[in-house]
């Protein structure tokens, strides 16, 4: 298993994820993207603004594995 962190980049700054999520290492990035999409769908369902927000997903070494703008994730099928 590998740990992934879902930091949130916003216009006002940066909200770090200190806890992270343990995911299977063989498909961790795809699982991380799926989790990000679910989190964003909850915000959209609750009429929360998502403009200008992005996930910066890092692995347990701190390496950036994906940058996902919330708007992009909300529109992915």
Protein backbone atom coordinates (compact mmCIF):
# COMPACT_ATOMS: atom_id res chain seq x y z
CA UNK A 1 0.00 0.00 0.00
CA UNK A 2 1.01 3.56 -0.60
CA UNK A 3 -0.22 6.71 1.09
CA UNK A 4 -1.54 9.62 -0.96
CA UNK A 5 -2.26 13.14 0.28
CA UNK A 6 -4.99 15.39 -1.13
CA UNK A 7 -3.77 18.93 -0.62
CA UNK A 8 -6.07 21.72 -1.77
CA UNK A 9 -4.69 24.69 -3.66
CA UNK A 10 -6.95 27.75 -3.62
CA UNK A 11 -6.59 31.37 -4.62
CA UNK A 12 -6.11 32.34 -0.98
CA UNK A 13 -3.41 29.78 -0.29
CA UNK A 14 -2.83 26.12 0.42
CA UNK A 15 -4.69 23.64 2.66
CA UNK A 16 -2.41 20.67 3.36
CA UNK A 17 -3.69 17.15 3.98
CA UNK A 18 -1.77 15.83 6.97
CA UNK A 19 -3.56 12.47 7.23
CA UNK A 20 -3.52 11.06 3.71
CA UNK A 21 -5.23 7.91 2.45
CA UNK A 22 -3.71 4.43 2.09
CA UNK A 23 -4.29 3.06 -1.42
CA UNK A 24 -3.10 0.02 -3.33
CA UNK A 25 0.21 1.00 -4.83
CA UNK A 26 -0.39 -0.77 -8.18
CA UNK A 27 -3.32 1.51 -9.03
CA UNK A 28 -2.87 4.31 -6.51
CA UNK A 29 -2.99 7.30 -8.84
CA UNK A 30 -6.22 6.13 -10.51
CA UNK A 31 -7.77 5.51 -7.10
CA UNK A 32 -6.61 8.95 -5.92
CA UNK A 33 -8.26 10.60 -8.94
CA UNK A 34 -11.46 8.66 -8.25
CA UNK A 35 -11.46 9.83 -4.62
CA UNK A 36 -10.88 13.42 -5.73
CA UNK A 37 -13.85 13.22 -8.11
CA UNK A 38 -16.12 11.89 -5.33
CA UNK A 39 -15.03 14.68 -2.98
CA UNK A 40 -15.72 17.29 -5.65
CA UNK A 41 -19.12 15.80 -6.52
CA UNK A 42 -20.13 16.22 -2.87
CA UNK A 43 -19.19 19.90 -3.03
CA UNK A 44 -21.12 20.39 -6.27
CA UNK A 45 -24.16 18.57 -4.84
CA UNK A 46 -24.10 20.97 -1.88
CA UNK A 47 -23.79 24.04 -4.15
CA UNK A 48 -20.31 24.79 -2.83
CA UNK A 49 -18.13 26.90 -5.16
CA UNK A 50 -15.28 25.03 -6.82
CA UNK A 51 -13.86 27.74 -9.09
CA UNK A 52 -10.14 28.29 -8.63
CA UNK A 53 -9.66 25.16 -6.47
CA UNK A 54 -7.35 22.27 -7.31
CA UNK A 55 -6.09 19.10 -5.71
CA UNK A 56 -2.36 18.57 -5.50
CA UNK A 57 -2.04 14.85 -4.90
CA UNK A 58 1.29 13.72 -3.52
CA UNK A 59 2.62 10.30 -2.58
CA UNK A 60 4.20 9.31 0.72
CA UNK A 61 7.56 10.70 -0.40
CA UNK A 62 6.04 14.12 -1.09
CA UNK A 63 6.33 13.73 -4.87
CA UNK A 64 3.53 15.36 -6.85
CA UNK A 65 1.61 12.67 -8.73
CA UNK A 66 -1.31 14.75 -10.05
CA UNK A 67 -2.67 18.27 -10.16
CA UNK A 68 -6.43 18.23 -10.62
CA UNK A 69 -8.46 21.41 -10.97
CA UNK A 70 -11.85 20.86 -9.33
CA UNK A 71 -13.60 22.15 -12.48
CA UNK A 72 -11.86 19.50 -14.60
CA UNK A 73 -12.76 16.71 -12.19
CA UNK A 74 -16.38 17.83 -12.07
CA UNK A 75 -16.62 17.57 -15.87
CA UNK A 76 -14.88 14.18 -16.30
CA UNK A 77 -17.14 11.26 -17.20
